PDB file of N, CA and C in Angstrom:
ATOM      1  N   MET A   1      19.618 -16.576  -1.108  1.00  0.00           N
ATOM      2  CA  MET A   1      19.226 -15.576   0.007  1.00  0.00           C
ATOM      3  C   MET A   1      17.386 -15.258  -0.366  1.00  0.00           C
ATOM      4  N   ASP A   2      17.598 -15.156  -1.618  1.00  0.00           N
ATOM      5  CA  ASP A   2      16.358 -14.529  -2.173  1.00  0.00           C
ATOM      6  C   ASP A   2      14.651 -15.281  -1.840  1.00  0.00           C
ATOM      7  N   ASP A   3      15.078 -16.442  -2.501  1.00  0.00           N
ATOM      8  CA  ASP A   3      14.312 -17.827  -1.908  1.00  0.00           C
ATOM      9  C   ASP A   3      12.274 -17.124  -2.782  1.00  0.00           C
ATOM     10  N   GLY A   4      12.034 -16.220  -3.710  1.00  0.00           N
ATOM     11  CA  GLY A   4      11.819 -16.144  -3.929  1.00  0.00           C
ATOM     12  C   GLY A   4      10.632 -14.522  -3.517  1.00  0.00           C
ATOM     13  N   LEU A   5      10.937 -14.099  -2.387  1.00  0.00           N
ATOM     14  CA  LEU A   5      11.115 -12.565  -2.376  1.00  0.00           C
ATOM     15  C   LEU A   5      10.702 -11.590  -2.799  1.00  0.00           C
ATOM     16  N   ILE A   6      11.742 -11.055  -3.527  1.00  0.00           N
ATOM     17  CA  ILE A   6      11.474 -10.290  -4.899  1.00  0.00           C
ATOM     18  C   ILE A   6      10.418 -10.688  -5.850  1.00  0.00           C
ATOM     19  N   GLU A   7      10.056 -11.717  -6.354  1.00  0.00           N
ATOM     20  CA  GLU A   7       8.916 -12.068  -7.307  1.00  0.00           C
ATOM     21  C   GLU A   7       7.398 -11.599  -5.739  1.00  0.00           C
ATOM     22  N   PHE A   8       7.864 -12.394  -4.778  1.00  0.00           N
ATOM     23  CA  PHE A   8       6.468 -11.978  -3.718  1.00  0.00           C
ATOM     24  C   PHE A   8       6.124 -10.717  -4.144  1.00  0.00           C
ATOM     25  N   TRP A   9       7.333  -9.445  -4.001  1.00  0.00           N
ATOM     26  CA  TRP A   9       6.958  -7.878  -3.909  1.00  0.00           C
ATOM     27  C   TRP A   9       6.833  -7.571  -4.789  1.00  0.00           C
ATOM     28  N   LYS A  10       7.314  -8.161  -5.968  1.00  0.00           N
ATOM     29  CA  LYS A  10       6.770  -7.350  -7.357  1.00  0.00           C
ATOM     30  C   LYS A  10       5.313  -7.439  -7.617  1.00  0.00           C
ATOM     31  N   ALA A  11       4.915  -8.359  -6.639  1.00  0.00           N
ATOM     32  CA  ALA A  11       4.226  -9.080  -7.786  1.00  0.00           C
ATOM     33  C   ALA A  11       2.385  -8.518  -6.584  1.00  0.00           C
ATOM     34  N   ARG A  12       3.194  -7.947  -5.416  1.00  0.00           N
ATOM     35  CA  ARG A  12       2.435  -7.297  -4.538  1.00  0.00           C
ATOM     36  C   ARG A  12       2.537  -5.752  -5.306  1.00  0.00           C
ATOM     37  N   LEU A  13       3.503  -4.963  -5.789  1.00  0.00           N
ATOM     38  CA  LEU A  13       3.588  -3.854  -6.277  1.00  0.00           C
ATOM     39  C   LEU A  13       2.880  -3.891  -7.775  1.00  0.00           C
ATOM     40  N   ASP A  14       2.853  -4.959  -7.836  1.00  0.00           N
ATOM     41  CA  ASP A  14       1.432  -4.526  -9.520  1.00  0.00           C
ATOM     42  C   ASP A  14       0.317  -4.677  -9.054  1.00  0.00           C
ATOM     43  N   GLU A  15      -0.171  -5.599  -8.287  1.00  0.00           N
ATOM     44  CA  GLU A  15      -1.152  -5.534  -8.000  1.00  0.00           C
ATOM     45  C   GLU A  15      -1.963  -4.173  -7.164  1.00  0.00           C
ATOM     46  N   GLU A  16      -0.860  -3.893  -6.469  1.00  0.00           N
ATOM     47  CA  GLU A  16      -1.137  -2.047  -5.975  1.00  0.00           C
ATOM     48  C   GLU A  16      -1.372  -1.152  -6.783  1.00  0.00           C
ATOM     49  N   GLU A  17      -0.638  -1.094  -7.793  1.00  0.00           N
ATOM     50  CA  GLU A  17      -0.455  -0.252  -8.951  1.00  0.00           C
ATOM     51  C   GLU A  17      -1.823  -0.197 -10.123  1.00  0.00           C
ATOM     52  N   ALA A  18      -1.941  -1.805 -10.279  1.00  0.00           N
ATOM     53  CA  ALA A  18      -3.485  -1.855 -11.345  1.00  0.00           C
ATOM     54  C   ALA A  18      -4.558  -1.559 -10.183  1.00  0.00           C
ATOM     55  N   ALA A  19      -4.562  -1.513  -8.972  1.00  0.00           N
ATOM     56  CA  ALA A  19      -5.621  -0.876  -8.395  1.00  0.00           C
ATOM     57  C   ALA A  19      -5.537   0.356  -8.597  1.00  0.00           C
ATOM     58  N   ALA A  20      -4.863   1.120  -7.899  1.00  0.00           N
ATOM     59  CA  ALA A  20      -4.398   2.496  -8.400  1.00  0.00           C
ATOM     60  C   ALA A  20      -4.928   3.051  -9.648  1.00  0.00           C
ATOM     61  N   ASN A  21      -4.348   2.259 -10.609  1.00  0.00           N
ATOM     62  CA  ASN A  21      -4.897   2.569 -12.286  1.00  0.00           C
ATOM     63  C   ASN A  21      -6.079   2.646 -12.105  1.00  0.00           C
ATOM     64  N   ALA A  22      -6.532   1.950 -11.814  1.00  0.00           N
ATOM     65  CA  ALA A  22      -8.119   1.310 -12.021  1.00  0.00           C
ATOM     66  C   ALA A  22      -9.254   2.541 -11.727  1.00  0.00           C
ATOM     67  N   GLY A  23      -8.413   3.181 -10.464  1.00  0.00           N
ATOM     68  CA  GLY A  23      -9.188   4.657 -10.262  1.00  0.00           C
ATOM     69  C   GLY A  23      -8.446   6.023 -10.841  1.00  0.00           C
ATOM     70  N   ALA A  24      -8.026   6.110 -12.391  1.00  0.00           N
ATOM     71  CA  ALA A  24      -7.177   6.790 -12.549  1.00  0.00           C
ATOM     72  C   ALA A  24      -7.580   8.117 -12.954  1.00  0.00           C
ATOM     73  N   ARG A  25      -9.753   8.313 -13.332  1.00  0.00           N
ATOM     74  CA  ARG A  25     -10.150   9.499 -13.235  1.00  0.00           C
ATOM     75  C   ARG A  25      -9.756  10.027 -12.025  1.00  0.00           C
ATOM     76  N   ARG A  26      -9.232   9.671 -11.368  1.00  0.00           N
ATOM     77  CA  ARG A  26      -9.048  10.427  -9.766  1.00  0.00           C
ATOM     78  C   ARG A  26      -7.031  10.878  -9.663  1.00  0.00           C
ATOM     79  N   VAL A  27      -6.899  10.106 -10.345  1.00  0.00           N
ATOM     80  CA  VAL A  27      -4.952  10.290 -10.338  1.00  0.00           C
ATOM     81  C   VAL A  27      -5.400  12.175 -10.296  1.00  0.00           C
ATOM     82  N   GLY A  28      -3.754  12.483  -9.002  1.00  0.00           N
ATOM     83  CA  GLY A  28      -3.647  14.075  -9.320  1.00  0.00           C
ATOM     84  C   GLY A  28      -5.074  14.724  -8.414  1.00  0.00           C
ATOM     85  N   MET A  29      -6.200  14.227  -8.393  1.00  0.00           N
ATOM     86  CA  MET A  29      -7.181  14.491  -7.158  1.00  0.00           C
ATOM     87  C   MET A  29      -6.773  14.354  -5.563  1.00  0.00           C
ATOM     88  N   PRO A  30      -6.214  15.065  -4.952  1.00  0.00           N
ATOM     89  CA  PRO A  30      -6.382  14.249  -3.577  1.00  0.00           C
ATOM     90  C   PRO A  30      -7.649  14.598  -3.360  1.00  0.00           C
ATOM     91  N   TRP A  31      -8.193  13.214  -2.754  1.00  0.00           N
ATOM     92  CA  TRP A  31      -8.867  13.072  -1.807  1.00  0.00           C
ATOM     93  C   TRP A  31      -8.796  13.778  -0.638  1.00  0.00           C
ATOM     94  N   HIS A  32     -10.382  14.184  -0.033  1.00  0.00           N
ATOM     95  CA  HIS A  32      -9.971  14.583   1.048  1.00  0.00           C
ATOM     96  C   HIS A  32     -11.592  13.708   2.002  1.00  0.00           C
ATOM     97  N   ALA A  33     -11.332  13.655   3.560  1.00  0.00           N
ATOM     98  CA  ALA A  33     -12.662  12.821   4.413  1.00  0.00           C
ATOM     99  C   ALA A  33     -13.060  14.583   4.589  1.00  0.00           C
ATOM    100  N   GLU A  34     -14.837  14.629   4.947  1.00  0.00           N
ATOM    101  CA  GLU A  34     -15.508  15.279   5.671  1.00  0.00           C
ATOM    102  C   GLU A  34     -16.429  14.541   6.420  1.00  0.00           C
ATOM    103  N   PRO A  35     -16.704  15.465   7.289  1.00  0.00           N
ATOM    104  CA  PRO A  35     -18.064  14.672   8.227  1.00  0.00           C
ATOM    105  C   PRO A  35     -19.360  13.881   7.751  1.00  0.00           C
ATOM    106  N   GLN A  36     -20.137  13.418   7.465  1.00  0.00           N
ATOM    107  CA  GLN A  36     -21.344  13.271   6.753  1.00  0.00           C
ATOM    108  C   GLN A  36     -22.607  13.891   7.741  1.00  0.00           C
ATOM    109  N   PRO A  37     -23.094  14.723   6.867  1.00  0.00           N
ATOM    110  CA  PRO A  37     -24.068  15.061   7.327  1.00  0.00           C
ATOM    111  C   PRO A  37     -24.926  14.710   8.404  1.00  0.00           C
ATOM    112  N   GLY A  38     -25.618  14.940   9.668  1.00  0.00           N
ATOM    113  CA  GLY A  38     -26.779  13.857  10.532  1.00  0.00           C
ATOM    114  C   GLY A  38     -25.982  12.712  10.462  1.00  0.00           C
ATOM    115  N   SER A  39     -24.885  11.926  10.022  1.00  0.00           N
ATOM    116  CA  SER A  39     -24.509  10.956  10.891  1.00  0.00           C
ATOM    117  C   SER A  39     -23.311  10.915  11.682  1.00  0.00           C
ATOM    118  N   LEU A  40     -22.737   9.740  12.206  1.00  0.00           N
ATOM    119  CA  LEU A  40     -21.261   9.682  12.501  1.00  0.00           C
ATOM    120  C   LEU A  40     -20.061   9.312  11.645  1.00  0.00           C
ATOM    121  N   GLY A  41     -20.676   9.015  10.323  1.00  0.00           N
ATOM    122  CA  GLY A  41     -20.221   8.628   8.619  1.00  0.00           C
ATOM    123  C   GLY A  41     -19.094   9.456   8.591  1.00  0.00           C
ATOM    124  N   GLY A  42     -18.251   9.352   7.871  1.00  0.00           N
ATOM    125  CA  GLY A  42     -17.342  10.008   7.025  1.00  0.00           C
ATOM    126  C   GLY A  42     -18.144  10.189   5.647  1.00  0.00           C
ATOM    127  N   LEU A  43     -17.084  11.561   4.905  1.00  0.00           N
ATOM    128  CA  LEU A  43     -17.147  10.990   3.034  1.00  0.00           C
ATOM    129  C   LEU A  43     -15.942  10.908   2.702  1.00  0.00           C
ATOM    130  N   VAL A  44     -15.892  10.551   1.983  1.00  0.00           N
ATOM    131  CA  VAL A  44     -14.314  10.808   0.994  1.00  0.00           C
ATOM    132  C   VAL A  44     -14.529  11.409  -0.262  1.00  0.00           C
ATOM    133  N   ILE A  45     -14.170  12.771  -0.488  1.00  0.00           N
ATOM    134  CA  ILE A  45     -14.640  13.810  -2.040  1.00  0.00           C
ATOM    135  C   ILE A  45     -13.208  13.507  -2.624  1.00  0.00           C
ATOM    136  N   ASP A  46     -13.678  14.010  -3.610  1.00  0.00           N
ATOM    137  CA  ASP A  46     -12.330  14.853  -4.139  1.00  0.00           C
ATOM    138  C   ASP A  46     -13.270  15.889  -5.264  1.00  0.00           C
ATOM    139  N   ASP A  47     -12.666  16.261  -6.314  1.00  0.00           N
ATOM    140  CA  ASP A  47     -12.696  16.848  -7.423  1.00  0.00           C
ATOM    141  C   ASP A  47     -13.460  16.712  -8.425  1.00  0.00           C
ATOM    142  N   LEU A  48     -13.938  15.970  -8.564  1.00  0.00           N
ATOM    143  CA  LEU A  48     -15.206  15.009  -9.289  1.00  0.00           C
ATOM    144  C   LEU A  48     -16.127  14.823  -8.353  1.00  0.00           C
ATOM    145  N   GLY A  49     -15.901  14.421  -6.998  1.00  0.00           N
ATOM    146  CA  GLY A  49     -17.662  14.115  -5.740  1.00  0.00           C
ATOM    147  C   GLY A  49     -17.304  13.342  -4.724  1.00  0.00           C
ATOM    148  N   LEU A  50     -18.264  12.562  -5.065  1.00  0.00           N
ATOM    149  CA  LEU A  50     -18.081  11.803  -3.884  1.00  0.00           C
ATOM    150  C   LEU A  50     -17.448   9.935  -4.273  1.00  0.00           C
ATOM    151  N   VAL A  51     -16.180  10.021  -3.485  1.00  0.00           N
ATOM    152  CA  VAL A  51     -15.685   8.680  -3.930  1.00  0.00           C
ATOM    153  C   VAL A  51     -16.173   7.439  -2.875  1.00  0.00           C
ATOM    154  N   ALA A  52     -16.614   7.829  -1.384  1.00  0.00           N
ATOM    155  CA  ALA A  52     -16.719   6.608  -0.783  1.00  0.00           C
ATOM    156  C   ALA A  52     -17.887   7.476   0.366  1.00  0.00           C
ATOM    157  N   SER A  53     -18.389   6.306   0.834  1.00  0.00           N
ATOM    158  CA  SER A  53     -19.116   7.162   2.401  1.00  0.00           C
ATOM    159  C   SER A  53     -18.943   5.920   3.013  1.00  0.00           C
ATOM    160  N   THR A  54     -18.814   6.387   4.206  1.00  0.00           N
ATOM    161  CA  THR A  54     -18.122   5.180   5.697  1.00  0.00           C
ATOM    162  C   THR A  54     -19.204   5.556   6.241  1.00  0.00           C
ATOM    163  N   GLY A  55     -18.897   4.508   7.604  1.00  0.00           N
ATOM    164  CA  GLY A  55     -19.988   4.416   8.514  1.00  0.00           C
ATOM    165  C   GLY A  55     -19.445   5.391   9.736  1.00  0.00           C
ATOM    166  N   GLY A  56     -17.562   5.654   9.986  1.00  0.00           N
ATOM    167  CA  GLY A  56     -17.259   6.823  10.367  1.00  0.00           C
ATOM    168  C   GLY A  56     -16.073   6.993  10.332  1.00  0.00           C
ATOM    169  N   ARG A  57     -15.544   8.527  10.586  1.00  0.00           N
ATOM    170  CA  ARG A  57     -14.822   9.084  10.059  1.00  0.00           C
ATOM    171  C   ARG A  57     -13.324   8.894  10.197  1.00  0.00           C
ATOM    172  N   TYR A  58     -13.157   7.867  11.039  1.00  0.00           N
ATOM    173  CA  TYR A  58     -12.063   7.796  11.223  1.00  0.00           C
ATOM    174  C   TYR A  58     -11.726   6.910  10.161  1.00  0.00           C
ATOM    175  N   ALA A  59     -12.236   6.073   9.740  1.00  0.00           N
ATOM    176  CA  ALA A  59     -12.418   5.373   7.900  1.00  0.00           C
ATOM    177  C   ALA A  59     -12.128   6.117   7.362  1.00  0.00           C
ATOM    178  N   ALA A  60     -13.329   7.329   7.113  1.00  0.00           N
ATOM    179  CA  ALA A  60     -13.577   8.065   5.468  1.00  0.00           C
ATOM    180  C   ALA A  60     -11.446   8.866   5.888  1.00  0.00           C
ATOM    181  N   ASP A  61     -11.023   9.368   6.797  1.00  0.00           N
ATOM    182  CA  ASP A  61      -9.683   9.862   6.786  1.00  0.00           C
ATOM    183  C   ASP A  61      -8.949   8.792   6.503  1.00  0.00           C
ATOM    184  N   HIS A  62      -8.924   7.193   6.315  1.00  0.00           N
ATOM    185  CA  HIS A  62      -7.714   6.650   6.385  1.00  0.00           C
ATOM    186  C   HIS A  62      -8.205   6.791   5.077  1.00  0.00           C
ATOM    187  N   ILE A  63      -9.452   6.183   4.244  1.00  0.00           N
ATOM    188  CA  ILE A  63      -9.777   6.168   2.702  1.00  0.00           C
ATOM    189  C   ILE A  63      -9.107   6.919   1.751  1.00  0.00           C
ATOM    190  N   ALA A  64      -9.055   8.416   2.292  1.00  0.00           N
ATOM    191  CA  ALA A  64      -8.473   9.728   1.740  1.00  0.00           C
ATOM    192  C   ALA A  64      -7.570   9.309   1.838  1.00  0.00           C
ATOM    193  N   ARG A  65      -6.759   8.825   2.750  1.00  0.00           N
ATOM    194  CA  ARG A  65      -5.367   8.819   2.227  1.00  0.00           C
ATOM    195  C   ARG A  65      -4.531   8.003   1.646  1.00  0.00           C
ATOM    196  N   GLN A  66      -5.779   6.989   0.812  1.00  0.00           N
ATOM    197  CA  GLN A  66      -5.174   6.039  -0.060  1.00  0.00           C
ATOM    198  C   GLN A  66      -5.550   6.371  -1.323  1.00  0.00           C
ATOM    199  N   ASP A  67      -5.565   7.854  -1.584  1.00  0.00           N
ATOM    200  CA  ASP A  67      -5.560   8.298  -3.086  1.00  0.00           C
ATOM    201  C   ASP A  67      -4.955   7.732  -3.730  1.00  0.00           C
ATOM    202  N   PRO A  68      -5.211   6.924  -5.783  1.00  0.00           N
ATOM    203  CA  PRO A  68      -4.371   6.723  -6.422  1.00  0.00           C
ATOM    204  C   PRO A  68      -3.038   7.276  -6.709  1.00  0.00           C
ATOM    205  N   ASP A  69      -3.216   8.624  -6.501  1.00  0.00           N
ATOM    206  CA  ASP A  69      -2.046   9.231  -6.994  1.00  0.00           C
ATOM    207  C   ASP A  69      -0.783   9.087  -5.517  1.00  0.00           C
ATOM    208  N   ARG A  70      -1.206   8.965  -4.372  1.00  0.00           N
ATOM    209  CA  ARG A  70      -0.505   8.962  -3.505  1.00  0.00           C
ATOM    210  C   ARG A  70       0.295   7.123  -3.616  1.00  0.00           C
ATOM    211  N   THR A  71      -0.817   6.205  -4.168  1.00  0.00           N
ATOM    212  CA  THR A  71      -0.217   4.822  -4.285  1.00  0.00           C
ATOM    213  C   THR A  71       0.683   4.598  -5.461  1.00  0.00           C
ATOM    214  N   LEU A  72       0.424   5.400  -6.036  1.00  0.00           N
ATOM    215  CA  LEU A  72       1.030   5.175  -7.364  1.00  0.00           C
ATOM    216  C   LEU A  72       2.936   6.141  -6.449  1.00  0.00           C
ATOM    217  N   ARG A  73       2.656   6.989  -5.809  1.00  0.00           N
ATOM    218  CA  ARG A  73       3.811   7.390  -5.423  1.00  0.00           C
ATOM    219  C   ARG A  73       4.917   6.161  -4.254  1.00  0.00           C
ATOM    220  N   ARG A  74       3.946   5.969  -3.990  1.00  0.00           N
ATOM    221  CA  ARG A  74       4.224   4.644  -2.792  1.00  0.00           C
ATOM    222  C   ARG A  74       4.846   3.550  -4.116  1.00  0.00           C
ATOM    223  N   VAL A  75       4.479   2.863  -4.242  1.00  0.00           N
ATOM    224  CA  VAL A  75       4.883   1.419  -5.573  1.00  0.00           C
ATOM    225  C   VAL A  75       5.778   2.108  -6.009  1.00  0.00           C
ATOM    226  N   ALA A  76       5.935   3.460  -6.971  1.00  0.00           N
ATOM    227  CA  ALA A  76       7.134   4.044  -7.502  1.00  0.00           C
ATOM    228  C   ALA A  76       8.372   3.651  -6.537  1.00  0.00           C
ATOM    229  N   ALA A  77       8.209   4.226  -4.999  1.00  0.00           N
ATOM    230  CA  ALA A  77       9.504   4.667  -4.293  1.00  0.00           C
ATOM    231  C   ALA A  77       9.697   3.091  -3.629  1.00  0.00           C
ATOM    232  N   MET A  78       8.794   2.549  -3.629  1.00  0.00           N
ATOM    233  CA  MET A  78       8.658   1.250  -3.147  1.00  0.00           C
ATOM    234  C   MET A  78       9.711   0.156  -3.902  1.00  0.00           C
ATOM    235  N   ARG A  79       9.531   0.877  -5.378  1.00  0.00           N
ATOM    236  CA  ARG A  79      10.302  -0.131  -6.720  1.00  0.00           C
ATOM    237  C   ARG A  79      11.921   0.177  -6.764  1.00  0.00           C
ATOM    238  N   VAL A  80      12.194   1.235  -6.560  1.00  0.00           N
ATOM    239  CA  VAL A  80      13.044   2.039  -6.291  1.00  0.00           C
ATOM    240  C   VAL A  80      14.043   1.196  -5.354  1.00  0.00           C
ATOM    241  N   ILE A  81      13.447   0.880  -3.989  1.00  0.00           N
ATOM    242  CA  ILE A  81      13.919   0.347  -2.914  1.00  0.00           C
ATOM    243  C   ILE A  81      14.222  -1.183  -3.679  1.00  0.00           C
ATOM    244  N   LEU A  82      13.694  -1.825  -4.195  1.00  0.00           N
ATOM    245  CA  LEU A  82      13.524  -3.084  -4.720  1.00  0.00           C
ATOM    246  C   LEU A  82      14.741  -3.252  -5.297  1.00  0.00           C
ATOM    247  N   ALA A  83      14.870  -2.161  -6.399  1.00  0.00           N
ATOM    248  CA  ALA A  83      16.053  -2.285  -7.206  1.00  0.00           C
ATOM    249  C   ALA A  83      17.248  -2.168  -6.912  1.00  0.00           C
ATOM    250  N   GLU A  84      17.455  -1.462  -5.305  1.00  0.00           N
ATOM    251  CA  GLU A  84      18.176  -0.889  -4.810  1.00  0.00           C
ATOM    252  C   GLU A  84      18.872  -2.445  -3.923  1.00  0.00           C
ATOM    253  N   TYR A  85      18.015  -3.597  -3.650  1.00  0.00           N
ATOM    254  CA  TYR A  85      18.258  -4.501  -2.821  1.00  0.00           C
ATOM    255  C   TYR A  85      18.730  -5.750  -4.370  1.00  0.00           C
ATOM    256  N   GLU A  86      18.300  -5.577  -5.104  1.00  0.00           N
ATOM    257  CA  GLU A  86      18.975  -5.842  -6.131  1.00  0.00           C
ATOM    258  C   GLU A  86      19.986  -6.321  -6.408  1.00  0.00           C
ATOM    259  N   ALA A  87      20.421  -4.638  -6.540  1.00  0.00           N
ATOM    260  CA  ALA A  87      21.695  -4.404  -6.707  1.00  0.00           C
ATOM    261  C   ALA A  87      22.706  -4.832  -5.907  1.00  0.00           C
ATOM    262  N   ALA A  88      22.078  -4.413  -5.056  1.00  0.00           N
ATOM    263  CA  ALA A  88      23.402  -4.753  -3.639  1.00  0.00           C
ATOM    264  C   ALA A  88      23.436  -6.267  -3.329  1.00  0.00           C
ATOM    265  N   TYR A  89      22.145  -6.329  -2.522  1.00  0.00           N
ATOM    266  CA  TYR A  89      21.798  -8.190  -2.846  1.00  0.00           C
ATOM    267  C   TYR A  89      22.627  -7.874  -1.501  1.00  0.00           C
ATOM    268  N   ARG A  90      22.558  -7.149  -0.507  1.00  0.00           N
ATOM    269  CA  ARG A  90      23.232  -7.330   1.229  1.00  0.00           C
ATOM    270  C   ARG A  90      22.148  -7.777   2.039  1.00  0.00           C
ATOM    271  N   THR A  91      22.542  -8.882   3.051  1.00  0.00           N
ATOM    272  CA  THR A  91      21.718  -9.686   3.570  1.00  0.00           C
ATOM    273  C   THR A  91      20.843  -8.520   4.860  1.00  0.00           C
ATOM    274  N   ASP A  92      21.714  -6.992   5.423  1.00  0.00           N
ATOM    275  CA  ASP A  92      20.412  -6.101   6.016  1.00  0.00           C
ATOM    276  C   ASP A  92      19.900  -5.460   5.275  1.00  0.00           C
ATOM    277  N   LEU A  93      20.096  -5.451   3.977  1.00  0.00           N
ATOM    278  CA  LEU A  93      19.055  -4.116   3.243  1.00  0.00           C
ATOM    279  C   LEU A  93      17.933  -5.756   3.028  1.00  0.00           C
ATOM    280  N   GLY A  94      18.434  -6.988   2.970  1.00  0.00           N
ATOM    281  CA  GLY A  94      17.584  -8.320   2.458  1.00  0.00           C
ATOM    282  C   GLY A  94      16.339  -8.130   3.938  1.00  0.00           C
ATOM    283  N   ILE A  95      16.931  -8.174   5.189  1.00  0.00           N
ATOM    284  CA  ILE A  95      16.139  -7.914   6.146  1.00  0.00           C
ATOM    285  C   ILE A  95      14.980  -7.003   6.317  1.00  0.00           C
ATOM    286  N   ALA A  96      15.454  -5.592   5.572  1.00  0.00           N
ATOM    287  CA  ALA A  96      15.428  -4.189   4.995  1.00  0.00           C
ATOM    288  C   ALA A  96      13.618  -4.875   3.539  1.00  0.00           C
ATOM    289  N   ILE A  97      13.225  -5.775   2.865  1.00  0.00           N
ATOM    290  CA  ILE A  97      12.816  -5.950   1.905  1.00  0.00           C
ATOM    291  C   ILE A  97      11.670  -7.219   3.206  1.00  0.00           C
ATOM    292  N   GLU A  98      12.360  -8.161   3.730  1.00  0.00           N
ATOM    293  CA  GLU A  98      11.526  -8.719   4.501  1.00  0.00           C
ATOM    294  C   GLU A  98      10.332  -8.040   5.144  1.00  0.00           C
ATOM    295  N   ASN A  99      11.003  -6.867   6.114  1.00  0.00           N
ATOM    296  CA  ASN A  99      10.178  -6.015   7.040  1.00  0.00           C
ATOM    297  C   ASN A  99       9.112  -5.299   6.059  1.00  0.00           C
ATOM    298  N   LEU A 100       9.681  -5.322   4.677  1.00  0.00           N
ATOM    299  CA  LEU A 100       8.450  -4.243   3.954  1.00  0.00           C
ATOM    300  C   LEU A 100       7.276  -5.473   3.646  1.00  0.00           C
ATOM    301  N   ALA A 101       7.874  -6.487   3.138  1.00  0.00           N
ATOM    302  CA  ALA A 101       6.827  -7.600   2.547  1.00  0.00           C
ATOM    303  C   ALA A 101       5.858  -7.862   3.757  1.00  0.00           C
ATOM    304  N   ALA A 102       6.390  -7.694   4.881  1.00  0.00           N
ATOM    305  CA  ALA A 102       5.301  -8.282   6.233  1.00  0.00           C
ATOM    306  C   ALA A 102       4.075  -7.625   5.344  1.00  0.00           C
ATOM    307  N   VAL A 103       3.999  -6.412   5.027  1.00  0.00           N
ATOM    308  CA  VAL A 103       2.557  -5.680   4.860  1.00  0.00           C
ATOM    309  C   VAL A 103       1.590  -6.176   4.387  1.00  0.00           C
ATOM    310  N   ASP A 104       1.860  -7.714   3.542  1.00  0.00           N
ATOM    311  CA  ASP A 104       1.899  -8.467   2.747  1.00  0.00           C
ATOM    312  C   ASP A 104       1.254 -10.101   3.925  1.00  0.00           C
ATOM    313  N   SER A 105       1.848  -9.850   4.626  1.00  0.00           N
ATOM    314  CA  SER A 105       2.459 -11.106   5.545  1.00  0.00           C
ATOM    315  C   SER A 105       0.113 -11.885   5.281  1.00  0.00           C
ATOM    316  N   ASP A 106      -0.370 -11.341   4.975  1.00  0.00           N
ATOM    317  CA  ASP A 106      -2.230 -12.511   5.061  1.00  0.00           C
ATOM    318  C   ASP A 106      -2.224 -12.190   3.556  1.00  0.00           C
ATOM    319  N   HIS A 107      -0.957 -12.561   2.884  1.00  0.00           N
ATOM    320  CA  HIS A 107      -1.699 -12.927   1.477  1.00  0.00           C
ATOM    321  C   HIS A 107      -1.312 -14.192   1.233  1.00  0.00           C
ATOM    322  N   PRO A 108      -2.102 -15.275   0.330  1.00  0.00           N
ATOM    323  CA  PRO A 108      -1.306 -16.445   0.375  1.00  0.00           C
ATOM    324  C   PRO A 108      -0.199 -16.738  -0.030  1.00  0.00           C
ATOM    325  N   ASP A 109       0.101 -16.045  -1.113  1.00  0.00           N
ATOM    326  CA  ASP A 109       1.702 -16.353  -1.577  1.00  0.00           C
ATOM    327  C   ASP A 109       2.574 -16.068  -0.395  1.00  0.00           C
ATOM    328  N   TYR A 110       2.734 -15.634   0.477  1.00  0.00           N
ATOM    329  CA  TYR A 110       3.506 -14.962   1.455  1.00  0.00           C
ATOM    330  C   TYR A 110       4.116 -15.719   1.924  1.00  0.00           C
ATOM    331  N   ARG A 111       5.104 -16.190   2.359  1.00  0.00           N
ATOM    332  CA  ARG A 111       6.074 -17.038   3.040  1.00  0.00           C
ATOM    333  C   ARG A 111       5.974 -16.896   4.751  1.00  0.00           C
ATOM    334  N   LYS A 112       6.151 -18.087   5.768  1.00  0.00           N
ATOM    335  CA  LYS A 112       6.327 -17.182   6.861  1.00  0.00           C
ATOM    336  C   LYS A 112       7.777 -17.473   7.235  1.00  0.00           C
ATOM    337  N   GLU A 113       8.394 -17.702   6.533  1.00  0.00           N
ATOM    338  CA  GLU A 113      10.244 -17.964   6.950  1.00  0.00           C
ATOM    339  C   GLU A 113      10.582 -16.340   6.463  1.00  0.00           C
ATOM    340  N   TRP A 114       9.914 -15.749   6.049  1.00  0.00           N
ATOM    341  CA  TRP A 114      10.139 -14.570   5.603  1.00  0.00           C
ATOM    342  C   TRP A 114      10.186 -13.487   7.201  1.00  0.00           C
ATOM    343  N   ALA A 115       9.315 -14.109   7.503  1.00  0.00           N
ATOM    344  CA  ALA A 115       9.064 -12.911   9.233  1.00  0.00           C
ATOM    345  C   ALA A 115      10.053 -13.375  10.103  1.00  0.00           C
ATOM    346  N   ARG A 116      11.361 -14.196   9.619  1.00  0.00           N
ATOM    347  CA  ARG A 116      12.217 -14.596  10.762  1.00  0.00           C
ATOM    348  C   ARG A 116      12.943 -13.383  11.659  1.00  0.00           C
ATOM    349  N   HIS A 117      12.889 -12.365  11.151  1.00  0.00           N
ATOM    350  CA  HIS A 117      13.631 -10.560  11.779  1.00  0.00           C
ATOM    351  C   HIS A 117      12.915  -9.739  12.513  1.00  0.00           C
ATOM    352  N   LEU A 118      11.367 -10.461  12.290  1.00  0.00           N
ATOM    353  CA  LEU A 118      10.468  -9.568  12.377  1.00  0.00           C
ATOM    354  C   LEU A 118       9.789  -9.551  13.981  1.00  0.00           C
ATOM    355  N   PRO A 119       9.190  -8.572  14.442  1.00  0.00           N
ATOM    356  CA  PRO A 119       8.801  -8.585  15.944  1.00  0.00           C
ATOM    357  C   PRO A 119       7.722 -10.264  16.009  1.00  0.00           C
ATOM    358  N   SER A 120       7.993 -10.360  17.048  1.00  0.00           N
ATOM    359  CA  SER A 120       6.243 -11.738  17.281  1.00  0.00           C
ATOM    360  C   SER A 120       5.034 -11.097  16.865  1.00  0.00           C
ATOM    361  N   SER A 121       4.799 -10.001  17.024  1.00  0.00           N
ATOM    362  CA  SER A 121       3.205  -9.437  16.668  1.00  0.00           C
ATOM    363  C   SER A 121       3.068  -9.569  15.260  1.00  0.00           C
ATOM    364  N   THR A 122       3.665  -9.620  14.445  1.00  0.00           N
ATOM    365  CA  THR A 122       2.862  -9.779  12.768  1.00  0.00           C
ATOM    366  C   THR A 122       2.794 -11.060  12.314  1.00  0.00           C
TER     367      THR A 122
END
């Protein structure tokens, strides 16, 4: 049933964790968005100062929600789900894993057959 899906997902989690750890100086410092004075852009700020400057406030809001600490919590939670899947190895949970892995459907290692239980919009 697995056909490489577990390894694919583990690799994506490793990549996400590595990217978050690359921003380790900012772990534990929540990011927040602010308007960029004199423009329609937005700023992403933490306790150390500027993280990013964007062309739009909504982009800044989105980036702020991706701070390294939150990403590491998400990766840890997803690893728990994956461990439960490996332990249970049940079809209904397998569908859940296929849906979670679909977040990375644009990755070159993603297999289109994993999308068999997804709505056609993915």
